[in-house]
C-alpha atoms as a PDB file:
ATOM      1  CA  UNK A   1       0.000   0.000   0.000  1.00  0.00           C
ATOM      2  CA  UNK A   2       1.278   3.470  -0.895  1.00  0.00           C
ATOM      3  CA  UNK A   3       1.759   5.191   2.470  1.00  0.00           C
ATOM      4  CA  UNK A   4       1.177   8.586   0.832  1.00  0.00           C
ATOM      5  CA  UNK A   5      -2.426   7.743   0.011  1.00  0.00           C
ATOM      6  CA  UNK A   6      -5.257   8.701   2.304  1.00  0.00           C
ATOM      7  CA  UNK A   7      -3.663  11.830   3.722  1.00  0.00           C
ATOM      8  CA  UNK A   8      -6.520  13.695   5.372  1.00  0.00           C
ATOM      9  CA  UNK A   9      -5.182  17.204   5.583  1.00  0.00           C
ATOM     10  CA  UNK A  10      -5.232  20.418   3.607  1.00  0.00           C
ATOM     11  CA  UNK A  11      -1.883  19.765   1.917  1.00  0.00           C
ATOM     12  CA  UNK A  12      -2.374  17.704  -1.269  1.00  0.00           C
ATOM     13  CA  UNK A  13       0.219  15.222  -2.479  1.00  0.00           C
ATOM     14  CA  UNK A  14       2.769  17.298  -4.419  1.00  0.00           C
ATOM     15  CA  UNK A  15       3.138  17.127  -8.168  1.00  0.00           C
ATOM     16  CA  UNK A  16       6.083  18.677  -9.967  1.00  0.00           C
ATOM     17  CA  UNK A  17       5.028  21.583 -12.149  1.00  0.00           C
ATOM     18  CA  UNK A  18       5.965  20.894 -15.746  1.00  0.00           C
ATOM     19  CA  UNK A  19       6.325  23.330 -18.631  1.00  0.00           C
ATOM     20  CA  UNK A  20       8.410  21.356 -21.160  1.00  0.00           C
ATOM     21  CA  UNK A  21       8.664  24.043 -23.830  1.00  0.00           C
ATOM     22  CA  UNK A  22       9.489  26.820 -21.378  1.00  0.00           C
ATOM     23  CA  UNK A  23      11.973  24.620 -19.529  1.00  0.00           C
ATOM     24  CA  UNK A  24      13.703  23.808 -22.800  1.00  0.00           C
ATOM     25  CA  UNK A  25      13.968  27.486 -23.705  1.00  0.00           C
ATOM     26  CA  UNK A  26      15.366  28.645 -20.348  1.00  0.00           C
ATOM     27  CA  UNK A  27      18.473  27.663 -18.452  1.00  0.00           C
ATOM     28  CA  UNK A  28      16.981  27.985 -14.989  1.00  0.00           C
ATOM     29  CA  UNK A  29      13.270  27.105 -14.929  1.00  0.00           C
ATOM     30  CA  UNK A  30      13.757  23.349 -14.508  1.00  0.00           C
ATOM     31  CA  UNK A  31      16.029  23.952 -11.525  1.00  0.00           C
ATOM     32  CA  UNK A  32      13.459  26.239  -9.924  1.00  0.00           C
ATOM     33  CA  UNK A  33      10.653  23.737 -10.425  1.00  0.00           C
ATOM     34  CA  UNK A  34      12.887  20.982  -9.026  1.00  0.00           C
ATOM     35  CA  UNK A  35      13.552  23.157  -5.986  1.00  0.00           C
ATOM     36  CA  UNK A  36       9.863  23.668  -5.312  1.00  0.00           C
ATOM     37  CA  UNK A  37       9.061  19.997  -5.850  1.00  0.00           C
ATOM     38  CA  UNK A  38      11.845  18.964  -3.457  1.00  0.00           C
ATOM     39  CA  UNK A  39      10.520  21.337  -0.811  1.00  0.00           C
ATOM     40  CA  UNK A  40       6.880  20.342  -1.325  1.00  0.00           C
ATOM     41  CA  UNK A  41       7.632  16.623  -1.015  1.00  0.00           C
ATOM     42  CA  UNK A  42       9.595  17.169   2.176  1.00  0.00           C
ATOM     43  CA  UNK A  43       6.815  19.257   3.689  1.00  0.00           C
ATOM     44  CA  UNK A  44       4.215  16.685   2.675  1.00  0.00           C
ATOM     45  CA  UNK A  45       6.151  13.915   4.431  1.00  0.00           C
ATOM     46  CA  UNK A  46       6.445  15.963   7.629  1.00  0.00           C
ATOM     47  CA  UNK A  47       2.761  16.829   7.636  1.00  0.00           C
ATOM     48  CA  UNK A  48       1.942  13.156   7.164  1.00  0.00           C
ATOM     49  CA  UNK A  49       4.053  12.277  10.209  1.00  0.00           C
ATOM     50  CA  UNK A  50       2.363  14.961  12.295  1.00  0.00           C
ATOM     51  CA  UNK A  51      -1.055  13.767  11.242  1.00  0.00           C
ATOM     52  CA  UNK A  52      -0.210  10.288  12.437  1.00  0.00           C
ATOM     53  CA  UNK A  53       0.418  11.856  15.836  1.00  0.00           C
ATOM     54  CA  UNK A  54      -3.121  13.230  15.824  1.00  0.00           C
ATOM     55  CA  UNK A  55      -2.283  16.764  14.715  1.00  0.00           C
ATOM     56  CA  UNK A  56      -4.193  18.569  11.996  1.00  0.00           C
ATOM     57  CA  UNK A  57      -2.888  21.133   9.527  1.00  0.00           C
ATOM     58  CA  UNK A  58      -4.712  24.419  10.093  1.00  0.00           C
ATOM     59  CA  UNK A  59      -3.640  26.034   6.811  1.00  0.00           C
ATOM     60  CA  UNK A  60      -6.270  25.812   4.082  1.00  0.00           C
ATOM     61  CA  UNK A  61      -7.468  27.536   0.939  1.00  0.00           C
ATOM     62  CA  UNK A  62      -8.525  31.077   1.778  1.00  0.00           C
ATOM     63  CA  UNK A  63      -6.249  31.309   4.825  1.00  0.00           C
ATOM     64  CA  UNK A  64      -3.821  34.169   4.289  1.00  0.00           C
ATOM     65  CA  UNK A  65      -2.976  35.640   7.686  1.00  0.00           C
ATOM     66  CA  UNK A  66       0.739  34.908   7.310  1.00  0.00           C
ATOM     67  CA  UNK A  67       0.737  36.701   3.938  1.00  0.00           C
ATOM     68  CA  UNK A  68      -0.384  39.843   5.730  1.00  0.00           C
ATOM     69  CA  UNK A  69       1.591  39.608   8.963  1.00  0.00           C
ATOM     70  CA  UNK A  70       4.993  38.467   7.673  1.00  0.00           C
ATOM     71  CA  UNK A  71       7.066  41.403   6.497  1.00  0.00           C
ATOM     72  CA  UNK A  72      10.428  39.668   6.083  1.00  0.00           C
ATOM     73  CA  UNK A  73       9.898  36.999   3.434  1.00  0.00           C
ATOM     74  CA  UNK A  74      13.207  36.071   1.786  1.00  0.00           C
ATOM     75  CA  UNK A  75      13.105  35.551  -1.959  1.00  0.00           C
ATOM     76  CA  UNK A  76      16.075  34.449  -4.061  1.00  0.00           C
ATOM     77  CA  UNK A  77      17.054  35.703  -7.547  1.00  0.00           C
ATOM     78  CA  UNK A  78      15.855  32.565  -9.322  1.00  0.00           C
ATOM     79  CA  UNK A  79      12.531  32.853  -7.511  1.00  0.00           C
ATOM     80  CA  UNK A  80      12.174  36.445  -8.687  1.00  0.00           C
ATOM     81  CA  UNK A  81      12.777  35.259 -12.257  1.00  0.00           C
ATOM     82  CA  UNK A  82      10.128  32.604 -11.724  1.00  0.00           C
ATOM     83  CA  UNK A  83       7.576  35.136 -10.534  1.00  0.00           C
ATOM     84  CA  UNK A  84       8.228  37.381 -13.528  1.00  0.00           C
ATOM     85  CA  UNK A  85       7.963  34.414 -15.898  1.00  0.00           C
ATOM     86  CA  UNK A  86       4.739  33.148 -14.347  1.00  0.00           C
ATOM     87  CA  UNK A  87       3.000  36.524 -14.177  1.00  0.00           C
ATOM     88  CA  UNK A  88       3.959  37.672 -17.670  1.00  0.00           C
ATOM     89  CA  UNK A  89       3.601  34.385 -19.551  1.00  0.00           C
ATOM     90  CA  UNK A  90       1.296  32.061 -17.603  1.00  0.00           C
ATOM     91  CA  UNK A  91      -1.163  34.117 -15.595  1.00  0.00           C
ATOM     92  CA  UNK A  92      -4.596  34.524 -17.167  1.00  0.00           C
ATOM     93  CA  UNK A  93      -5.255  37.915 -18.735  1.00  0.00           C
ATOM     94  CA  UNK A  94      -8.054  38.901 -16.365  1.00  0.00           C
ATOM     95  CA  UNK A  95      -5.845  38.068 -13.386  1.00  0.00           C
ATOM     96  CA  UNK A  96      -2.967  40.005 -14.961  1.00  0.00           C
ATOM     97  CA  UNK A  97      -5.151  43.078 -15.147  1.00  0.00           C
ATOM     98  CA  UNK A  98      -6.098  42.828 -11.463  1.00  0.00           C
ATOM     99  CA  UNK A  99      -2.513  42.157 -10.412  1.00  0.00           C
ATOM    100  CA  UNK A 100      -1.165  45.026 -12.503  1.00  0.00           C
ATOM    101  CA  UNK A 101      -3.286  47.507 -10.547  1.00  0.00           C
ATOM    102  CA  UNK A 102      -2.271  45.906  -7.253  1.00  0.00           C
ATOM    103  CA  UNK A 103       1.468  46.037  -7.995  1.00  0.00           C
ATOM    104  CA  UNK A 104       1.440  49.605  -9.258  1.00  0.00           C
ATOM    105  CA  UNK A 105      -0.539  50.898  -6.273  1.00  0.00           C
ATOM    106  CA  UNK A 106       0.978  48.668  -3.575  1.00  0.00           C
ATOM    107  CA  UNK A 107       2.121  50.393  -0.391  1.00  0.00           C
ATOM    108  CA  UNK A 108       4.742  49.204   2.094  1.00  0.00           C
ATOM    109  CA  UNK A 109       2.202  48.229   4.751  1.00  0.00           C
ATOM    110  CA  UNK A 110      -0.234  46.460   2.425  1.00  0.00           C
ATOM    111  CA  UNK A 111       1.065  42.947   3.082  1.00  0.00           C
ATOM    112  CA  UNK A 112       2.243  40.700   0.274  1.00  0.00           C
ATOM    113  CA  UNK A 113       1.781  42.466  -3.089  1.00  0.00           C
ATOM    114  CA  UNK A 114       0.583  39.212  -4.661  1.00  0.00           C
ATOM    115  CA  UNK A 115      -2.207  38.684  -2.130  1.00  0.00           C
ATOM    116  CA  UNK A 116      -5.535  39.920  -3.472  1.00  0.00           C
ATOM    117  CA  UNK A 117      -8.844  39.334  -1.691  1.00  0.00           C
ATOM    118  CA  UNK A 118      -7.250  36.595   0.376  1.00  0.00           C
ATOM    119  CA  UNK A 119      -5.874  34.706  -2.627  1.00  0.00           C
ATOM    120  CA  UNK A 120      -2.263  34.280  -3.740  1.00  0.00           C
ATOM    121  CA  UNK A 121      -2.046  35.195  -7.425  1.00  0.00           C
ATOM    122  CA  UNK A 122       1.294  33.399  -7.822  1.00  0.00           C
ATOM    123  CA  UNK A 123       0.538  30.357  -5.671  1.00  0.00           C
ATOM    124  CA  UNK A 124       2.183  27.758  -7.965  1.00  0.00           C
ATOM    125  CA  UNK A 125       5.371  29.856  -7.930  1.00  0.00           C
ATOM    126  CA  UNK A 126       5.264  31.100  -4.340  1.00  0.00           C
ATOM    127  CA  UNK A 127       8.727  31.301  -2.734  1.00  0.00           C
ATOM    128  CA  UNK A 128      10.287  28.592  -0.599  1.00  0.00           C
ATOM    129  CA  UNK A 129       9.754  30.701   2.508  1.00  0.00           C
ATOM    130  CA  UNK A 130       6.011  30.625   1.920  1.00  0.00           C
ATOM    131  CA  UNK A 131       6.004  26.895   1.190  1.00  0.00           C
ATOM    132  CA  UNK A 132       7.880  26.100   4.389  1.00  0.00           C
ATOM    133  CA  UNK A 133       5.508  27.969   6.713  1.00  0.00           C
ATOM    134  CA  UNK A 134       2.728  25.676   7.917  1.00  0.00           C
ATOM    135  CA  UNK A 135       0.657  25.801  11.107  1.00  0.00           C
ATOM    136  CA  UNK A 136      -1.153  23.048  12.994  1.00  0.00           C
ATOM    137  CA  UNK A 137      -4.215  22.780  15.202  1.00  0.00           C
ATOM    138  CA  UNK A 138      -5.763  26.267  15.210  1.00  0.00           C
ATOM    139  CA  UNK A 139      -6.006  28.697  12.280  1.00  0.00           C
ATOM    140  CA  UNK A 140      -4.124  31.939  12.837  1.00  0.00           C
ATOM    141  CA  UNK A 141      -6.056  34.778  14.410  1.00  0.00           C
ATOM    142  CA  UNK A 142      -6.123  38.058  12.478  1.00  0.00           C
ATOM    143  CA  UNK A 143      -2.730  39.701  12.834  1.00  0.00           C
ATOM    144  CA  UNK A 144      -1.204  36.711  14.631  1.00  0.00           C
ATOM    145  CA  UNK A 145       2.259  35.372  13.863  1.00  0.00           C
ATOM    146  CA  UNK A 146       2.184  31.884  15.437  1.00  0.00           C
ATOM    147  CA  UNK A 147       5.969  31.597  15.179  1.00  0.00           C
ATOM    148  CA  UNK A 148       6.036  33.897  18.210  1.00  0.00           C
ATOM    149  CA  UNK A 149       2.670  33.184  19.842  1.00  0.00           C
ATOM    150  CA  UNK A 150       2.728  29.351  19.660  1.00  0.00           C
ATOM    151  CA  UNK A 151       5.961  28.107  18.137  1.00  0.00           C
ATOM    152  CA  UNK A 152       5.094  24.463  18.835  1.00  0.00           C
ATOM    153  CA  UNK A 153       2.256  24.677  16.297  1.00  0.00           C
ATOM    154  CA  UNK A 154       4.552  25.825  13.487  1.00  0.00           C
ATOM    155  CA  UNK A 155       6.078  23.089  11.331  1.00  0.00           C
ATOM    156  CA  UNK A 156       9.878  22.885  11.454  1.00  0.00           C
ATOM    157  CA  UNK A 157      11.151  21.943   7.970  1.00  0.00           C
ATOM    158  CA  UNK A 158      13.652  19.125   7.595  1.00  0.00           C
ATOM    159  CA  UNK A 159      17.007  20.892   7.321  1.00  0.00           C
ATOM    160  CA  UNK A 160      18.506  18.433   4.830  1.00  0.00           C
ATOM    161  CA  UNK A 161      15.545  18.628   2.442  1.00  0.00           C
ATOM    162  CA  UNK A 162      15.363  22.392   2.821  1.00  0.00           C
ATOM    163  CA  UNK A 163      19.037  22.698   1.906  1.00  0.00           C
ATOM    164  CA  UNK A 164      18.592  20.485  -1.160  1.00  0.00           C
ATOM    165  CA  UNK A 165      15.799  22.753  -2.348  1.00  0.00           C
ATOM    166  CA  UNK A 166      17.954  25.831  -1.784  1.00  0.00           C
ATOM    167  CA  UNK A 167      20.890  24.285  -3.643  1.00  0.00           C
ATOM    168  CA  UNK A 168      18.739  24.008  -6.763  1.00  0.00           C
ATOM    169  CA  UNK A 169      18.586  27.812  -6.895  1.00  0.00           C
ATOM    170  CA  UNK A 170      22.317  28.283  -7.416  1.00  0.00           C
ATOM    171  CA  UNK A 171      22.805  27.383 -11.077  1.00  0.00           C
ATOM    172  CA  UNK A 172      22.083  30.931 -12.286  1.00  0.00           C
ATOM    173  CA  UNK A 173      25.028  32.038 -10.154  1.00  0.00           C
ATOM    174  CA  UNK A 174      27.315  29.622 -12.010  1.00  0.00           C
ATOM    175  CA  UNK A 175      27.537  27.383  -8.972  1.00  0.00           C
ATOM    176  CA  UNK A 176      26.980  23.958 -10.478  1.00  0.00           C
ATOM    177  CA  UNK A 177      29.337  21.606  -8.676  1.00  0.00           C
ATOM    178  CA  UNK A 178      27.413  19.486  -6.174  1.00  0.00           C
ATOM    179  CA  UNK A 179      29.947  19.885  -3.378  1.00  0.00           C
ATOM    180  CA  UNK A 180      30.237  23.612  -3.996  1.00  0.00           C
ATOM    181  CA  UNK A 181      26.467  23.999  -3.851  1.00  0.00           C
ATOM    182  CA  UNK A 182      26.287  22.041  -0.610  1.00  0.00           C
ATOM    183  CA  UNK A 183      28.991  24.172   0.986  1.00  0.00           C
ATOM    184  CA  UNK A 184      27.435  27.424  -0.226  1.00  0.00           C
ATOM    185  CA  UNK A 185      24.170  26.457   1.422  1.00  0.00           C
ATOM    186  CA  UNK A 186      25.707  24.909   4.565  1.00  0.00           C
ATOM    187  CA  UNK A 187      27.699  28.018   5.392  1.00  0.00           C
ATOM    188  CA  UNK A 188      24.691  30.264   4.868  1.00  0.00           C
ATOM    189  CA  UNK A 189      26.267  32.143   1.981  1.00  0.00           C
ATOM    190  CA  UNK A 190      23.145  31.537  -0.074  1.00  0.00           C
ATOM    191  CA  UNK A 191      21.161  33.791   2.241  1.00  0.00           C
ATOM    192  CA  UNK A 192      23.268  36.775   1.199  1.00  0.00           C
ATOM    193  CA  UNK A 193      21.591  36.465  -2.213  1.00  0.00           C
ATOM    194  CA  UNK A 194      18.074  36.841  -0.828  1.00  0.00           C
ATOM    195  CA  UNK A 195      15.985  39.986  -0.819  1.00  0.00           C
ATOM    196  CA  UNK A 196      12.936  40.864   1.234  1.00  0.00           C
ATOM    197  CA  UNK A 197       9.930  40.194  -0.989  1.00  0.00           C
ATOM    198  CA  UNK A 198       8.080  43.274   0.224  1.00  0.00           C
ATOM    199  CA  UNK A 199      11.052  45.538  -0.439  1.00  0.00           C
ATOM    200  CA  UNK A 200      11.431  44.576  -4.101  1.00  0.00           C
ATOM    201  CA  UNK A 201      10.137  47.171  -6.563  1.00  0.00           C
ATOM    202  CA  UNK A 202       7.345  45.005  -7.950  1.00  0.00           C
ATOM    203  CA  UNK A 203       5.913  48.084  -9.635  1.00  0.00           C
ATOM    204  CA  UNK A 204       8.375  47.289 -12.417  1.00  0.00           C
ATOM    205  CA  UNK A 205       6.647  43.976 -12.968  1.00  0.00           C
ATOM    206  CA  UNK A 206       3.276  45.693 -12.916  1.00  0.00           C
ATOM    207  CA  UNK A 207       4.441  48.114 -15.601  1.00  0.00           C
ATOM    208  CA  UNK A 208       5.459  45.225 -17.839  1.00  0.00           C
ATOM    209  CA  UNK A 209       2.031  43.629 -17.750  1.00  0.00           C
ATOM    210  CA  UNK A 210       0.297  44.557 -20.987  1.00  0.00           C
END
């Protein structure tokens, strides 16, 4: 019996996103999608283990408190490329129009610029930091950051799997050797490449939406 079947939580079994033509035409997209798939599988396994202990994932569709309360979301260069690619080439036209207005008029205290009416407009390409944040038992109260109010309810990602996902993001920096990638991540050098998502000038992306 497949032990991944029958998971009764709000986190579906991960599937790797696949865009064969786009992946063939770019030198980085496959690595980004591999990174997200690696992270998603690791998170899924951890949630499954917690469920077996009687815990229940509180995060669900329509829950977006963390998108509003978290103001220091790290995003890496390859992830920024992925967001641009997804918004400009894959997002439906009507959603592009809504997002364009949001990005151009976004203010510093407005929460995540990609959160509109409680929905993430880039959910398939959301950063690793967003993927790794999961809460158990009780849904977050408005304005609550459970990392500080009830740390025990916040999922702790597996460090090894998390590092493997991060290592996938290094190819655009000409870091391709496996050992070099591992060391770059282990020593924390990779974090020097990250920017705060809410401090990036996303208005530039909004201006590029036709």
